[in-house]
Amino acid sequence: MLKAKAGEVAGKIWVALDGTEGLTTKQIKKAAKLVDKDLLLGLGWLLKEDKVSTEDVEGEIFVKLI
């Protein structure tokens, strides 16, 4: 069940990031209309698949497509 949801949420995150230079997790949550736990689930999926990179920028997690 969670595996299917992780894939769905990862797709929403991908769409939010597509065409950008990257976004903070707060910006992704707003753009994709996600709650924290779903954001982390989808982000974990994308990180495991090496589809995104993350970095800490002034205390914010910044995410961009690879």
PDB file of N, CA and C in Angstrom:
ATOM      1  N   MET A   1       0.818  -1.194   0.000  1.00  0.00           N
ATOM      2  CA  MET A   1       0.000   0.000   0.000  1.00  0.00           C
ATOM      3  C   MET A   1       0.862   1.258   0.000  1.00  0.00           C
ATOM      4  N   LEU A   2       1.829   1.351   0.928  1.00  0.00           N
ATOM      5  CA  LEU A   2       2.681   2.526   0.987  1.00  0.00           C
ATOM      6  C   LEU A   2       3.583   2.645  -0.237  1.00  0.00           C
ATOM      7  N   LYS A   3       3.966   1.510  -0.818  1.00  0.00           N
ATOM      8  CA  LYS A   3       4.817   1.547  -2.007  1.00  0.00           C
ATOM      9  C   LYS A   3       4.100   2.267  -3.149  1.00  0.00           C
ATOM     10  N   ALA A   4       2.834   1.980  -3.343  1.00  0.00           N
ATOM     11  CA  ALA A   4       2.054   2.637  -4.397  1.00  0.00           C
ATOM     12  C   ALA A   4       1.902   4.127  -4.089  1.00  0.00           C
ATOM     13  N   LYS A   5       1.656   4.448  -2.830  1.00  0.00           N
ATOM     14  CA  LYS A   5       1.498   5.852  -2.444  1.00  0.00           C
ATOM     15  C   LYS A   5       2.816   6.600  -2.624  1.00  0.00           C
ATOM     16  N   ALA A   6       3.934   5.965  -2.283  1.00  0.00           N
ATOM     17  CA  ALA A   6       5.238   6.605  -2.439  1.00  0.00           C
ATOM     18  C   ALA A   6       5.486   6.962  -3.896  1.00  0.00           C
ATOM     19  N   GLY A   7       5.143   6.072  -4.796  1.00  0.00           N
ATOM     20  CA  GLY A   7       5.307   6.336  -6.223  1.00  0.00           C
ATOM     21  C   GLY A   7       4.420   7.475  -6.693  1.00  0.00           C
ATOM     22  N   GLU A   8       3.200   7.509  -6.218  1.00  0.00           N
ATOM     23  CA  GLU A   8       2.256   8.576  -6.585  1.00  0.00           C
ATOM     24  C   GLU A   8       2.742   9.939  -6.098  1.00  0.00           C
ATOM     25  N   VAL A   9       3.182   9.984  -4.844  1.00  0.00           N
ATOM     26  CA  VAL A   9       3.666  11.230  -4.271  1.00  0.00           C
ATOM     27  C   VAL A   9       4.964  11.659  -4.961  1.00  0.00           C
ATOM     28  N   ALA A  10       5.835  10.712  -5.266  1.00  0.00           N
ATOM     29  CA  ALA A  10       7.073  11.025  -5.985  1.00  0.00           C
ATOM     30  C   ALA A  10       6.751  11.695  -7.318  1.00  0.00           C
ATOM     31  N   GLY A  11       5.715  11.226  -7.984  1.00  0.00           N
ATOM     32  CA  GLY A  11       5.289  11.842  -9.242  1.00  0.00           C
ATOM     33  C   GLY A  11       4.846  13.287  -9.049  1.00  0.00           C
ATOM     34  N   LYS A  12       4.134  13.557  -7.976  1.00  0.00           N
ATOM     35  CA  LYS A  12       3.696  14.933  -7.678  1.00  0.00           C
ATOM     36  C   LYS A  12       4.892  15.839  -7.403  1.00  0.00           C
ATOM     37  N   ILE A  13       5.869  15.304  -6.684  1.00  0.00           N
ATOM     38  CA  ILE A  13       7.070  16.078  -6.390  1.00  0.00           C
ATOM     39  C   ILE A  13       7.839  16.350  -7.681  1.00  0.00           C
ATOM     40  N   TRP A  14       7.944  15.340  -8.531  1.00  0.00           N
ATOM     41  CA  TRP A  14       8.634  15.488  -9.813  1.00  0.00           C
ATOM     42  C   TRP A  14       7.991  16.602 -10.637  1.00  0.00           C
ATOM     43  N   VAL A  15       6.678  16.598 -10.710  1.00  0.00           N
ATOM     44  CA  VAL A  15       5.959  17.623 -11.470  1.00  0.00           C
ATOM     45  C   VAL A  15       6.228  19.014 -10.891  1.00  0.00           C
ATOM     46  N   ALA A  16       6.248  19.118  -9.559  1.00  0.00           N
ATOM     47  CA  ALA A  16       6.514  20.406  -8.919  1.00  0.00           C
ATOM     48  C   ALA A  16       7.922  20.905  -9.231  1.00  0.00           C
ATOM     49  N   LEU A  17       8.881  19.991  -9.303  1.00  0.00           N
ATOM     50  CA  LEU A  17      10.269  20.368  -9.543  1.00  0.00           C
ATOM     51  C   LEU A  17      10.600  20.572 -11.019  1.00  0.00           C
ATOM     52  N   ASP A  18       9.850  19.920 -11.893  1.00  0.00           N
ATOM     53  CA  ASP A  18      10.148  19.977 -13.322  1.00  0.00           C
ATOM     54  C   ASP A  18      10.107  21.419 -13.830  1.00  0.00           C
ATOM     55  N   GLY A  19      11.144  21.813 -14.544  1.00  0.00           N
ATOM     56  CA  GLY A  19      11.204  23.153 -15.098  1.00  0.00           C
ATOM     57  C   GLY A  19      11.715  24.203 -14.128  1.00  0.00           C
ATOM     58  N   THR A  20      12.150  23.783 -12.943  1.00  0.00           N
ATOM     59  CA  THR A  20      12.704  24.727 -11.970  1.00  0.00           C
ATOM     60  C   THR A  20      14.184  24.428 -11.767  1.00  0.00           C
ATOM     61  N   GLU A  21      14.860  25.355 -11.128  1.00  0.00           N
ATOM     62  CA  GLU A  21      16.270  25.161 -10.740  1.00  0.00           C
ATOM     63  C   GLU A  21      16.338  24.431  -9.403  1.00  0.00           C
ATOM     64  N   GLY A  22      15.167  24.131  -8.831  1.00  0.00           N
ATOM     65  CA  GLY A  22      15.063  23.478  -7.538  1.00  0.00           C
ATOM     66  C   GLY A  22      14.157  24.272  -6.623  1.00  0.00           C
ATOM     67  N   LEU A  23      13.672  23.613  -5.583  1.00  0.00           N
ATOM     68  CA  LEU A  23      12.763  24.232  -4.630  1.00  0.00           C
ATOM     69  C   LEU A  23      13.105  23.771  -3.221  1.00  0.00           C
ATOM     70  N   THR A  24      12.678  24.545  -2.240  1.00  0.00           N
ATOM     71  CA  THR A  24      12.799  24.100  -0.856  1.00  0.00           C
ATOM     72  C   THR A  24      11.662  23.105  -0.587  1.00  0.00           C
ATOM     73  N   THR A  25      11.800  22.364   0.493  1.00  0.00           N
ATOM     74  CA  THR A  25      10.736  21.416   0.822  1.00  0.00           C
ATOM     75  C   THR A  25       9.418  22.144   1.096  1.00  0.00           C
ATOM     76  N   LYS A  26       9.498  23.329   1.675  1.00  0.00           N
ATOM     77  CA  LYS A  26       8.275  24.114   1.920  1.00  0.00           C
ATOM     78  C   LYS A  26       7.599  24.482   0.601  1.00  0.00           C
ATOM     79  N   GLN A  27       8.390  24.875  -0.390  1.00  0.00           N
ATOM     80  CA  GLN A  27       7.837  25.230  -1.691  1.00  0.00           C
ATOM     81  C   GLN A  27       7.229  24.009  -2.386  1.00  0.00           C
ATOM     82  N   ILE A  28       7.885  22.866  -2.241  1.00  0.00           N
ATOM     83  CA  ILE A  28       7.359  21.631  -2.839  1.00  0.00           C
ATOM     84  C   ILE A  28       6.035  21.252  -2.190  1.00  0.00           C
ATOM     85  N   LYS A  29       5.981  21.323  -0.849  1.00  0.00           N
ATOM     86  CA  LYS A  29       4.737  21.000  -0.133  1.00  0.00           C
ATOM     87  C   LYS A  29       3.583  21.850  -0.637  1.00  0.00           C
ATOM     88  N   LYS A  30       3.836  23.137  -0.814  1.00  0.00           N
ATOM     89  CA  LYS A  30       2.793  24.048  -1.262  1.00  0.00           C
ATOM     90  C   LYS A  30       2.397  23.757  -2.711  1.00  0.00           C
ATOM     91  N   ALA A  31       3.382  23.602  -3.589  1.00  0.00           N
ATOM     92  CA  ALA A  31       3.112  23.384  -5.015  1.00  0.00           C
ATOM     93  C   ALA A  31       2.393  22.064  -5.261  1.00  0.00           C
ATOM     94  N   ALA A  32       2.790  21.021  -4.530  1.00  0.00           N
ATOM     95  CA  ALA A  32       2.212  19.689  -4.737  1.00  0.00           C
ATOM     96  C   ALA A  32       1.054  19.399  -3.787  1.00  0.00           C
ATOM     97  N   LYS A  33       0.779  20.338  -2.875  1.00  0.00           N
ATOM     98  CA  LYS A  33      -0.299  20.179  -1.897  1.00  0.00           C
ATOM     99  C   LYS A  33      -0.131  18.893  -1.082  1.00  0.00           C
ATOM    100  N   LEU A  34       1.019  18.797  -0.404  1.00  0.00           N
ATOM    101  CA  LEU A  34       1.354  17.611   0.370  1.00  0.00           C
ATOM    102  C   LEU A  34       1.492  17.944   1.848  1.00  0.00           C
ATOM    103  N   VAL A  35       1.263  16.946   2.685  1.00  0.00           N
ATOM    104  CA  VAL A  35       1.552  17.058   4.115  1.00  0.00           C
ATOM    105  C   VAL A  35       2.961  16.510   4.348  1.00  0.00           C
ATOM    106  N   ASP A  36       3.532  16.823   5.495  1.00  0.00           N
ATOM    107  CA  ASP A  36       4.920  16.453   5.787  1.00  0.00           C
ATOM    108  C   ASP A  36       5.226  14.981   5.542  1.00  0.00           C
ATOM    109  N   LYS A  37       4.415  14.092   6.094  1.00  0.00           N
ATOM    110  CA  LYS A  37       4.743  12.665   5.991  1.00  0.00           C
ATOM    111  C   LYS A  37       4.714  12.187   4.547  1.00  0.00           C
ATOM    112  N   ASP A  38       3.806  12.705   3.736  1.00  0.00           N
ATOM    113  CA  ASP A  38       3.758  12.311   2.327  1.00  0.00           C
ATOM    114  C   ASP A  38       4.949  12.884   1.568  1.00  0.00           C
ATOM    115  N   LEU A  39       5.320  14.124   1.879  1.00  0.00           N
ATOM    116  CA  LEU A  39       6.485  14.731   1.246  1.00  0.00           C
ATOM    117  C   LEU A  39       7.718  13.880   1.505  1.00  0.00           C
ATOM    118  N   LEU A  40       7.915  13.469   2.746  1.00  0.00           N
ATOM    119  CA  LEU A  40       9.086  12.668   3.094  1.00  0.00           C
ATOM    120  C   LEU A  40       9.058  11.298   2.428  1.00  0.00           C
ATOM    121  N   LEU A  41       7.887  10.712   2.322  1.00  0.00           N
ATOM    122  CA  LEU A  41       7.745   9.416   1.666  1.00  0.00           C
ATOM    123  C   LEU A  41       8.159   9.512   0.195  1.00  0.00           C
ATOM    124  N   GLY A  42       7.626  10.490  -0.512  1.00  0.00           N
ATOM    125  CA  GLY A  42       7.943  10.659  -1.926  1.00  0.00           C
ATOM    126  C   GLY A  42       9.372  11.094  -2.156  1.00  0.00           C
ATOM    127  N   LEU A  43       9.874  11.963  -1.299  1.00  0.00           N
ATOM    128  CA  LEU A  43      11.254  12.426  -1.420  1.00  0.00           C
ATOM    129  C   LEU A  43      12.225  11.265  -1.194  1.00  0.00           C
ATOM    130  N   GLY A  44      11.920  10.420  -0.237  1.00  0.00           N
ATOM    131  CA  GLY A  44      12.742   9.232   0.007  1.00  0.00           C
ATOM    132  C   GLY A  44      12.802   8.331  -1.212  1.00  0.00           C
ATOM    133  N   TRP A  45      11.666   8.155  -1.865  1.00  0.00           N
ATOM    134  CA  TRP A  45      11.593   7.337  -3.082  1.00  0.00           C
ATOM    135  C   TRP A  45      12.511   7.931  -4.158  1.00  0.00           C
ATOM    136  N   LEU A  46      12.380   9.238  -4.387  1.00  0.00           N
ATOM    137  CA  LEU A  46      13.180   9.894  -5.426  1.00  0.00           C
ATOM    138  C   LEU A  46      14.670   9.880  -5.094  1.00  0.00           C
ATOM    139  N   LEU A  47      15.016  10.016  -3.823  1.00  0.00           N
ATOM    140  CA  LEU A  47      16.419   9.938  -3.422  1.00  0.00           C
ATOM    141  C   LEU A  47      16.981   8.543  -3.650  1.00  0.00           C
ATOM    142  N   LYS A  48      16.204   7.535  -3.299  1.00  0.00           N
ATOM    143  CA  LYS A  48      16.653   6.149  -3.484  1.00  0.00           C
ATOM    144  C   LYS A  48      16.882   5.838  -4.958  1.00  0.00           C
ATOM    145  N   GLU A  49      16.049   6.395  -5.815  1.00  0.00           N
ATOM    146  CA  GLU A  49      16.154   6.161  -7.257  1.00  0.00           C
ATOM    147  C   GLU A  49      17.150   7.113  -7.934  1.00  0.00           C
ATOM    148  N   ASP A  50      17.846   7.934  -7.141  1.00  0.00           N
ATOM    149  CA  ASP A  50      18.812   8.917  -7.658  1.00  0.00           C
ATOM    150  C   ASP A  50      18.193   9.856  -8.687  1.00  0.00           C
ATOM    151  N   LYS A  51      16.982  10.320  -8.412  1.00  0.00           N
ATOM    152  CA  LYS A  51      16.276  11.248  -9.302  1.00  0.00           C
ATOM    153  C   LYS A  51      16.397  12.690  -8.834  1.00  0.00           C
ATOM    154  N   VAL A  52      16.733  12.891  -7.550  1.00  0.00           N
ATOM    155  CA  VAL A  52      16.880  14.234  -6.997  1.00  0.00           C
ATOM    156  C   VAL A  52      18.150  14.301  -6.161  1.00  0.00           C
ATOM    157  N   SER A  53      18.612  15.536  -5.967  1.00  0.00           N
ATOM    158  CA  SER A  53      19.694  15.777  -5.021  1.00  0.00           C
ATOM    159  C   SER A  53      19.187  16.787  -4.007  1.00  0.00           C
ATOM    160  N   THR A  54      19.768  16.753  -2.822  1.00  0.00           N
ATOM    161  CA  THR A  54      19.367  17.675  -1.769  1.00  0.00           C
ATOM    162  C   THR A  54      20.604  18.349  -1.192  1.00  0.00           C
ATOM    163  N   GLU A  55      20.399  19.544  -0.676  1.00  0.00           N
ATOM    164  CA  GLU A  55      21.446  20.234   0.056  1.00  0.00           C
ATOM    165  C   GLU A  55      20.808  21.165   1.076  1.00  0.00           C
ATOM    166  N   ASP A  56      21.575  21.471   2.090  1.00  0.00           N
ATOM    167  CA  ASP A  56      21.114  22.385   3.130  1.00  0.00           C
ATOM    168  C   ASP A  56      21.530  23.793   2.724  1.00  0.00           C
ATOM    169  N   VAL A  57      20.549  24.662   2.528  1.00  0.00           N
ATOM    170  CA  VAL A  57      20.818  26.050   2.176  1.00  0.00           C
ATOM    171  C   VAL A  57      20.192  26.939   3.245  1.00  0.00           C
ATOM    172  N   GLU A  58      21.034  27.514   4.074  1.00  0.00           N
ATOM    173  CA  GLU A  58      20.585  28.397   5.144  1.00  0.00           C
ATOM    174  C   GLU A  58      19.495  27.770   6.015  1.00  0.00           C
ATOM    175  N   GLY A  59      19.688  26.510   6.380  1.00  0.00           N
ATOM    176  CA  GLY A  59      18.751  25.826   7.255  1.00  0.00           C
ATOM    177  C   GLY A  59      17.544  25.224   6.572  1.00  0.00           C
ATOM    178  N   GLU A  60      17.422  25.402   5.267  1.00  0.00           N
ATOM    179  CA  GLU A  60      16.314  24.839   4.488  1.00  0.00           C
ATOM    180  C   GLU A  60      16.841  23.700   3.625  1.00  0.00           C
ATOM    181  N   ILE A  61      16.044  22.667   3.442  1.00  0.00           N
ATOM    182  CA  ILE A  61      16.434  21.591   2.533  1.00  0.00           C
ATOM    183  C   ILE A  61      16.015  22.013   1.122  1.00  0.00           C
ATOM    184  N   PHE A  62      17.003  22.081   0.229  1.00  0.00           N
ATOM    185  CA  PHE A  62      16.784  22.478  -1.159  1.00  0.00           C
ATOM    186  C   PHE A  62      16.886  21.225  -2.014  1.00  0.00           C
ATOM    187  N   VAL A  63      15.882  21.005  -2.869  1.00  0.00           N
ATOM    188  CA  VAL A  63      15.791  19.786  -3.675  1.00  0.00           C
ATOM    189  C   VAL A  63      15.780  20.159  -5.150  1.00  0.00           C
ATOM    190  N   LYS A  64      16.559  19.418  -5.953  1.00  0.00           N
ATOM    191  CA  LYS A  64      16.514  19.631  -7.396  1.00  0.00           C
ATOM    192  C   LYS A  64      16.620  18.310  -8.126  1.00  0.00           C
ATOM    193  N   LEU A  65      16.049  18.296  -9.329  1.00  0.00           N
ATOM    194  CA  LEU A  65      16.107  17.104 -10.160  1.00  0.00           C
ATOM    195  C   LEU A  65      17.529  16.898 -10.655  1.00  0.00           C
ATOM    196  N   ILE A  66      17.907  15.644 -10.791  1.00  0.00           N
ATOM    197  CA  ILE A  66      19.238  15.323 -11.318  1.00  0.00           C
ATOM    198  C   ILE A  66      19.129  15.151 -12.830  1.00  0.00           C
TER     199      ILE A  66
END
